[in-house]
Structures are given as structure tokens and as C-alpha cells.
Protein backbone atom coordinates (compact mmCIF):
# COMPACT_ATOMS: atom_id res chain seq x y z
CA MET A 1 0.17 -0.12 0.38
CA THR A 2 1.02 3.75 -1.40
CA ARG A 3 1.45 5.96 2.15
CA ALA A 4 0.65 9.00 1.43
CA LEU A 5 0.39 13.00 2.31
CA LEU A 6 -2.58 15.15 1.29
CA ILE A 7 -1.41 18.97 1.74
CA GLU A 8 -4.55 20.53 2.02
CA PRO A 9 -5.75 23.16 3.05
CA GLN A 10 -9.00 24.29 2.06
CA ALA A 11 -11.19 22.27 4.24
CA LEU A 12 -13.94 21.53 1.61
CA PHE A 13 -11.49 19.35 -0.56
CA ALA A 14 -9.46 17.45 1.57
CA PRO A 15 -12.65 14.11 1.29
CA TYR A 16 -12.79 14.36 -2.13
CA PHE A 17 -8.79 14.58 -2.52
CA ALA A 18 -8.06 12.03 -0.38
CA GLY A 19 -11.46 9.57 -1.18
CA VAL A 20 -9.79 9.98 -4.78
CA MET A 21 -6.24 8.66 -3.43
CA GLU A 22 -7.55 6.06 -1.60
CA SER A 23 -8.98 4.24 -4.68
CA ALA A 24 -6.02 4.11 -6.01
CA GLY A 25 -5.02 2.28 -3.12
CA SER A 26 -3.35 4.76 -1.35
CA GLU A 27 -3.46 4.96 2.58
CA VAL A 28 -3.94 8.62 3.68
CA THR A 29 -2.71 11.09 6.22
CA VAL A 30 -4.21 15.07 5.96
CA SER A 31 -2.00 17.97 6.99
CA GLU A 32 -2.87 21.83 6.04
CA ARG A 33 1.29 22.36 5.95
CA ALA A 34 4.12 20.21 4.92
CA PRO A 35 6.23 20.40 7.85
CA LYS A 36 9.83 18.91 7.78
CA ARG A 37 8.60 17.04 11.36
CA LEU A 38 5.80 15.44 9.40
CA LEU A 39 7.07 14.57 5.89
CA ARG A 40 10.03 12.99 7.81
CA SER A 41 7.43 10.72 10.82
CA LEU A 42 6.24 9.49 7.79
CA LYS A 43 7.60 9.06 4.48
CA PRO A 44 4.84 9.24 2.14
CA ASN A 45 6.18 7.31 -1.39
CA LEU A 46 2.97 10.39 -2.90
CA VAL A 47 2.88 13.91 -2.02
CA VAL A 48 -0.46 15.37 -3.32
CA LEU A 49 -0.16 19.07 -2.65
CA ASP A 50 -3.12 21.82 -3.38
CA ALA A 51 -1.23 24.81 -5.11
CA THR A 52 -4.12 26.82 -5.24
CA GLY A 53 -4.73 27.71 -2.22
CA ARG A 54 -1.69 28.46 0.07
CA GLU A 55 -0.76 31.63 1.19
CA ALA A 56 3.54 30.99 1.04
CA ALA A 57 4.68 30.59 -2.64
CA PRO A 58 3.69 27.00 -3.52
CA LEU A 59 7.31 25.98 -5.24
CA ARG A 60 8.80 27.03 -2.76
CA THR A 61 7.00 24.01 -0.65
CA ILE A 62 7.45 22.22 -3.77
CA SER A 63 11.32 22.89 -3.98
CA GLY A 64 11.33 21.74 0.04
CA VAL A 65 9.63 18.49 -0.56
CA ARG A 66 11.88 17.33 -2.93
CA ALA A 67 14.57 17.85 -0.84
CA ALA A 68 12.64 15.69 2.04
CA LEU A 69 11.27 13.32 -0.77
CA PRO A 70 14.07 12.82 -2.87
CA SER A 71 11.81 9.07 -4.27
CA ALA A 72 8.30 10.02 -3.53
CA ARG A 73 6.17 10.81 -6.35
CA ILE A 74 4.75 14.51 -5.81
CA VAL A 75 1.83 16.15 -7.09
CA ILE A 76 0.60 19.04 -7.86
CA PHE A 77 -3.01 20.53 -8.07
CA ALA A 78 -3.11 24.16 -10.11
CA ARG A 79 -5.57 26.59 -10.60
CA GLY A 80 -3.72 27.80 -13.83
CA VAL A 81 -1.54 25.27 -15.04
CA GLU A 82 0.38 27.47 -18.12
CA PRO A 83 3.95 25.00 -19.64
CA LEU A 84 6.04 27.39 -17.82
CA TRP A 85 4.25 27.40 -14.61
CA LYS A 86 4.13 23.81 -14.97
CA GLY A 87 7.43 23.44 -16.32
CA VAL A 88 9.00 25.38 -13.44
CA ALA A 89 7.27 23.55 -10.59
CA CYS A 90 8.60 20.05 -12.76
CA ALA A 91 12.06 21.84 -12.70
CA LEU A 92 12.28 21.48 -8.40
CA GLY A 93 10.28 18.60 -8.07
CA ALA A 94 6.59 18.28 -9.38
CA ASP A 95 6.12 15.13 -11.34
CA ALA A 96 2.71 15.43 -12.05
CA VAL A 97 0.59 18.97 -12.53
CA VAL A 98 -2.72 18.60 -13.26
CA GLY A 99 -5.53 21.22 -12.99
CA PRO A 100 -9.30 21.96 -12.27
CA ALA A 101 -9.94 21.39 -15.96
CA ALA A 102 -9.19 17.73 -15.53
CA GLY A 103 -11.37 15.12 -13.93
CA GLU A 104 -10.42 12.00 -11.56
CA ALA A 105 -8.66 9.31 -14.61
CA GLU A 106 -6.24 12.52 -14.39
CA LEU A 107 -5.98 12.87 -11.44
CA LEU A 108 -5.94 9.48 -11.07
CA ALA A 109 -2.62 8.65 -13.62
CA ALA A 110 -1.10 11.93 -12.23
CA ILE A 111 -1.35 9.40 -9.21
CA GLN A 112 -0.63 5.91 -10.12
CA ALA A 113 2.16 6.70 -12.95
């Protein structure tokens, strides 16, 4: 089973994302933030980060998660998926970036790839 961390600052969306991740076979922990202490103790294989509701710079969070978890799969949900932003996110450590127009199948593909 995959140990997954969902970083979701918006309580309204957490149950949906967690449900999709659980349907993919993940054991999900939900957190509003990604403190290093949590990353070290949980050691997730998968991190899904909702970058849309983040007050802090999401790109800094991506690089911090990648530094802490070099082998984890990192999937970003972003409001805007412009090619430049997606490229920067991937250069900083994201494995996949999906936007609000993505369906559940696309989110599952990003999680499972």
C-alpha cells in the first residue's frame, strides 16, 4: 500500500482528493501544511499538494518536499496550468501537475504513473 500525504489547506476539498487517492490504493494522511517533522515521520511515497489555496509560495513548498523526500512521487493540483508554471514546478521536483479542468481519470493517472 502507498503511504500518501495530501497537503490541502482547503477543508472543503480534502475529502474528495483523499477519496481519489484511497481508491488508488493509498493510505492517506491529510495536512494543511508540509512541516519537515511530518515529512520525516510519515515518509510518504506519494505527496499530493493543492497549490491553489496556499498562502506561502507553492514553488518553495514543492522544492522543500522534493528535498525532504527525494524518491516520493509529487503531484500538484494548480488553478492555472500554464506551460511555463508547469515547467518550473517540474524543474523544482513535481512529477505531475493537474489543473481544475482535469477529470478524476486524469488525477488518478497522475497519482499512479
